[in-house]
Amino acid sequence: MIYAINYDLKKPGQDYTPLHEAIKSCGVWWHYLGSTWLVDTNLKTDGIWNKLAPHVDKNDHILIIGVTNDSSGRLPQKAWDWINQRSAAA
């Protein structure tokens, strides 16, 4: 399943590299938009959150939501290829 991980990080100057590494550890990932990652994983939302939670502050906001085949927008073709290839497999 592909999940979108979207965040609004509130602490200026903080090193969020550990958060990014935790996101990458969840599965095959795509990161094209600044605060949005797509992750193809067997984990459920709670499993993803459990990996990310230690790396965010209480004032940060994170949304983890499943991606359906019904999607639209403007992204490079490589992004759509990544999404469509994994969505078709689900």
N, C-alpha and C. Protein backbone atom coordinates (compact mmCIF):
# COMPACT_ATOMS: atom_id res chain seq x y z
N MET A 1 0.85 -1.18 0.00
CA MET A 1 0.00 0.00 0.00
C MET A 1 0.89 1.24 0.00
N ILE A 2 0.48 2.24 -0.75
CA ILE A 2 1.21 3.51 -0.74
C ILE A 2 0.55 4.44 0.28
N TYR A 3 1.38 5.05 1.11
CA TYR A 3 0.91 6.04 2.06
C TYR A 3 1.59 7.37 1.78
N ALA A 4 0.85 8.44 1.93
CA ALA A 4 1.41 9.78 1.87
C ALA A 4 1.71 10.21 3.30
N ILE A 5 2.92 10.65 3.53
CA ILE A 5 3.32 11.20 4.82
C ILE A 5 3.54 12.69 4.61
N ASN A 6 2.70 13.48 5.25
CA ASN A 6 2.74 14.93 5.10
C ASN A 6 3.03 15.55 6.46
N TYR A 7 3.90 16.56 6.48
CA TYR A 7 4.22 17.14 7.77
C TYR A 7 4.36 18.65 7.70
N ASP A 8 4.15 19.24 8.87
CA ASP A 8 4.38 20.66 9.10
C ASP A 8 5.25 20.72 10.35
N LEU A 9 6.54 20.93 10.15
CA LEU A 9 7.50 20.90 11.25
C LEU A 9 7.70 22.31 11.78
N LYS A 10 7.53 22.48 13.07
CA LYS A 10 7.41 23.80 13.68
C LYS A 10 8.66 24.37 14.31
N LYS A 11 9.72 23.61 14.42
CA LYS A 11 10.89 24.09 15.16
C LYS A 11 11.99 24.50 14.19
N PRO A 12 12.13 25.80 13.95
CA PRO A 12 13.16 26.27 13.01
C PRO A 12 14.56 25.85 13.46
N GLY A 13 15.36 25.45 12.49
CA GLY A 13 16.74 25.11 12.79
C GLY A 13 16.97 23.71 13.31
N GLN A 14 15.91 22.96 13.59
CA GLN A 14 16.09 21.60 14.10
C GLN A 14 16.52 20.68 12.96
N ASP A 15 17.36 19.72 13.26
CA ASP A 15 17.81 18.75 12.28
C ASP A 15 16.78 17.62 12.19
N TYR A 16 16.05 17.58 11.10
CA TYR A 16 15.03 16.55 10.91
C TYR A 16 15.55 15.36 10.11
N THR A 17 16.87 15.25 9.96
CA THR A 17 17.45 14.11 9.25
C THR A 17 17.01 12.78 9.85
N PRO A 18 16.97 12.63 11.19
CA PRO A 18 16.50 11.35 11.75
C PRO A 18 15.05 11.03 11.35
N LEU A 19 14.20 12.04 11.23
CA LEU A 19 12.83 11.82 10.78
C LEU A 19 12.84 11.33 9.34
N HIS A 20 13.62 11.97 8.49
CA HIS A 20 13.69 11.55 7.09
C HIS A 20 14.22 10.12 6.97
N GLU A 21 15.21 9.77 7.77
CA GLU A 21 15.73 8.41 7.75
C GLU A 21 14.67 7.40 8.24
N ALA A 22 13.87 7.80 9.23
CA ALA A 22 12.80 6.93 9.72
C ALA A 22 11.75 6.71 8.63
N ILE A 23 11.43 7.77 7.89
CA ILE A 23 10.48 7.63 6.78
C ILE A 23 11.04 6.65 5.75
N LYS A 24 12.30 6.83 5.39
CA LYS A 24 12.93 5.95 4.39
C LYS A 24 12.94 4.50 4.85
N SER A 25 13.03 4.26 6.16
CA SER A 25 13.09 2.90 6.68
C SER A 25 11.75 2.17 6.60
N CYS A 26 10.68 2.90 6.27
CA CYS A 26 9.35 2.28 6.23
C CYS A 26 9.12 1.45 4.97
N GLY A 27 9.85 1.73 3.90
CA GLY A 27 9.64 0.99 2.66
C GLY A 27 10.25 1.73 1.48
N VAL A 28 9.77 1.41 0.30
CA VAL A 28 10.23 2.09 -0.92
C VAL A 28 9.57 3.47 -0.94
N TRP A 29 10.38 4.51 -1.11
CA TRP A 29 9.86 5.86 -0.94
C TRP A 29 10.11 6.72 -2.17
N TRP A 30 9.30 7.80 -2.26
CA TRP A 30 9.44 8.84 -3.29
C TRP A 30 9.28 10.16 -2.57
N HIS A 31 10.22 11.08 -2.78
CA HIS A 31 10.16 12.39 -2.12
C HIS A 31 10.42 13.47 -3.16
N TYR A 32 9.34 14.08 -3.63
CA TYR A 32 9.48 15.13 -4.62
C TYR A 32 8.99 16.47 -4.09
N LEU A 33 7.96 16.46 -3.26
CA LEU A 33 7.41 17.68 -2.68
C LEU A 33 8.04 17.92 -1.32
N GLY A 34 8.31 19.15 -0.98
CA GLY A 34 9.07 19.50 0.21
C GLY A 34 8.65 18.82 1.50
N SER A 35 7.37 18.78 1.80
CA SER A 35 6.93 18.21 3.08
C SER A 35 6.01 17.01 2.88
N THR A 36 6.14 16.35 1.73
CA THR A 36 5.33 15.17 1.45
C THR A 36 6.23 14.05 0.94
N TRP A 37 6.06 12.88 1.51
CA TRP A 37 6.75 11.68 1.07
C TRP A 37 5.69 10.65 0.71
N LEU A 38 5.96 9.84 -0.31
CA LEU A 38 5.14 8.67 -0.60
C LEU A 38 5.97 7.45 -0.25
N VAL A 39 5.34 6.51 0.45
CA VAL A 39 6.04 5.30 0.88
C VAL A 39 5.18 4.09 0.54
N ASP A 40 5.78 3.16 -0.18
CA ASP A 40 5.14 1.89 -0.49
C ASP A 40 5.61 0.89 0.56
N THR A 41 4.69 0.42 1.40
CA THR A 41 5.07 -0.37 2.56
C THR A 41 3.99 -1.37 2.92
N ASN A 42 4.37 -2.40 3.66
CA ASN A 42 3.41 -3.35 4.22
C ASN A 42 2.94 -2.89 5.60
N LEU A 43 3.55 -1.85 6.13
CA LEU A 43 3.13 -1.32 7.43
C LEU A 43 1.77 -0.66 7.31
N LYS A 44 1.04 -0.61 8.39
CA LYS A 44 -0.19 0.17 8.49
C LYS A 44 0.16 1.54 9.06
N THR A 45 -0.81 2.44 9.11
CA THR A 45 -0.53 3.80 9.57
C THR A 45 0.06 3.83 10.98
N ASP A 46 -0.44 2.98 11.88
CA ASP A 46 0.11 2.97 13.25
C ASP A 46 1.57 2.54 13.27
N GLY A 47 1.93 1.56 12.42
CA GLY A 47 3.31 1.11 12.34
C GLY A 47 4.23 2.20 11.81
N ILE A 48 3.75 2.95 10.81
CA ILE A 48 4.53 4.08 10.29
C ILE A 48 4.69 5.13 11.38
N TRP A 49 3.58 5.47 12.04
CA TRP A 49 3.64 6.49 13.09
C TRP A 49 4.61 6.09 14.20
N ASN A 50 4.60 4.84 14.58
CA ASN A 50 5.50 4.37 15.64
C ASN A 50 6.97 4.58 15.28
N LYS A 51 7.30 4.48 14.00
CA LYS A 51 8.68 4.73 13.56
C LYS A 51 9.01 6.23 13.55
N LEU A 52 8.01 7.06 13.26
CA LEU A 52 8.26 8.50 13.09
C LEU A 52 8.16 9.28 14.40
N ALA A 53 7.27 8.86 15.28
CA ALA A 53 6.97 9.62 16.50
C ALA A 53 8.19 10.01 17.33
N PRO A 54 9.19 9.15 17.49
CA PRO A 54 10.35 9.55 18.30
C PRO A 54 11.16 10.70 17.71
N HIS A 55 10.89 11.06 16.45
CA HIS A 55 11.72 12.05 15.76
C HIS A 55 11.03 13.38 15.53
N VAL A 56 9.87 13.59 16.16
CA VAL A 56 9.15 14.86 16.00
C VAL A 56 8.85 15.45 17.37
N ASP A 57 8.65 16.75 17.37
CA ASP A 57 8.27 17.45 18.61
C ASP A 57 6.76 17.45 18.77
N LYS A 58 6.31 17.74 19.97
CA LYS A 58 4.87 17.76 20.24
C LYS A 58 4.13 18.84 19.46
N ASN A 59 4.83 19.86 19.01
CA ASN A 59 4.15 20.92 18.25
C ASN A 59 4.22 20.69 16.73
N ASP A 60 4.88 19.63 16.27
CA ASP A 60 4.90 19.28 14.86
C ASP A 60 3.58 18.59 14.49
N HIS A 61 3.20 18.70 13.23
CA HIS A 61 1.99 18.03 12.74
C HIS A 61 2.38 17.05 11.64
N ILE A 62 1.81 15.85 11.71
CA ILE A 62 2.07 14.82 10.71
C ILE A 62 0.75 14.15 10.35
N LEU A 63 0.54 13.94 9.04
CA LEU A 63 -0.62 13.21 8.54
C LEU A 63 -0.11 12.04 7.71
N ILE A 64 -0.56 10.84 8.05
CA ILE A 64 -0.23 9.63 7.30
C ILE A 64 -1.55 9.10 6.76
N ILE A 65 -1.63 9.01 5.44
CA ILE A 65 -2.92 8.64 4.83
C ILE A 65 -2.67 7.78 3.60
N GLY A 66 -3.53 6.79 3.41
CA GLY A 66 -3.41 5.90 2.26
C GLY A 66 -3.70 6.62 0.95
N VAL A 67 -2.98 6.23 -0.09
CA VAL A 67 -3.15 6.80 -1.42
C VAL A 67 -3.99 5.83 -2.25
N THR A 68 -5.02 6.34 -2.89
CA THR A 68 -5.88 5.50 -3.73
C THR A 68 -5.46 5.64 -5.19
N ASN A 69 -6.09 4.89 -6.04
CA ASN A 69 -5.83 5.00 -7.47
C ASN A 69 -6.43 6.26 -8.06
N ASP A 70 -7.29 6.93 -7.32
CA ASP A 70 -7.94 8.15 -7.79
C ASP A 70 -7.07 9.34 -7.39
N SER A 71 -6.15 9.72 -8.26
CA SER A 71 -5.23 10.81 -7.94
C SER A 71 -5.04 11.70 -9.16
N SER A 72 -4.69 12.94 -8.89
CA SER A 72 -4.49 13.89 -9.97
C SER A 72 -3.58 15.01 -9.48
N GLY A 73 -3.00 15.73 -10.38
CA GLY A 73 -2.15 16.87 -10.02
C GLY A 73 -1.07 17.07 -11.06
N ARG A 74 -0.10 17.88 -10.72
CA ARG A 74 1.01 18.15 -11.62
C ARG A 74 2.30 17.70 -10.95
N LEU A 75 2.84 16.62 -11.46
CA LEU A 75 4.11 16.07 -11.01
C LEU A 75 4.89 15.65 -12.25
N PRO A 76 6.21 15.45 -12.11
CA PRO A 76 6.96 14.92 -13.23
C PRO A 76 6.48 13.52 -13.60
N GLN A 77 6.64 13.14 -14.83
CA GLN A 77 6.20 11.82 -15.28
C GLN A 77 6.81 10.70 -14.45
N LYS A 78 8.08 10.88 -14.00
CA LYS A 78 8.72 9.87 -13.15
C LYS A 78 7.92 9.63 -11.88
N ALA A 79 7.33 10.68 -11.32
CA ALA A 79 6.53 10.54 -10.10
C ALA A 79 5.26 9.74 -10.40
N TRP A 80 4.57 10.09 -11.50
CA TRP A 80 3.35 9.36 -11.85
C TRP A 80 3.67 7.90 -12.17
N ASP A 81 4.78 7.64 -12.83
CA ASP A 81 5.18 6.27 -13.12
C ASP A 81 5.37 5.49 -11.82
N TRP A 82 6.04 6.11 -10.84
CA TRP A 82 6.28 5.48 -9.54
C TRP A 82 4.94 5.15 -8.87
N ILE A 83 4.05 6.12 -8.84
CA ILE A 83 2.73 5.94 -8.19
C ILE A 83 1.92 4.87 -8.92
N ASN A 84 1.83 5.00 -10.24
CA ASN A 84 0.99 4.07 -11.00
C ASN A 84 1.51 2.65 -10.97
N GLN A 85 2.81 2.47 -11.00
CA GLN A 85 3.39 1.13 -10.95
C GLN A 85 3.04 0.45 -9.63
N ARG A 86 3.12 1.17 -8.54
CA ARG A 86 2.86 0.58 -7.23
C ARG A 86 1.36 0.47 -6.94
N SER A 87 0.57 1.40 -7.46
CA SER A 87 -0.88 1.33 -7.26
C SER A 87 -1.48 0.14 -8.00
N ALA A 88 -0.95 -0.15 -9.17
CA ALA A 88 -1.45 -1.27 -9.97
C ALA A 88 -1.18 -2.60 -9.28
N ALA A 89 -0.08 -2.65 -8.52
CA ALA A 89 0.29 -3.90 -7.84
C ALA A 89 -0.58 -4.18 -6.62
N ALA A 90 -1.23 -3.14 -6.11
CA ALA A 90 -2.02 -3.30 -4.88
C ALA A 90 -3.33 -4.01 -5.11
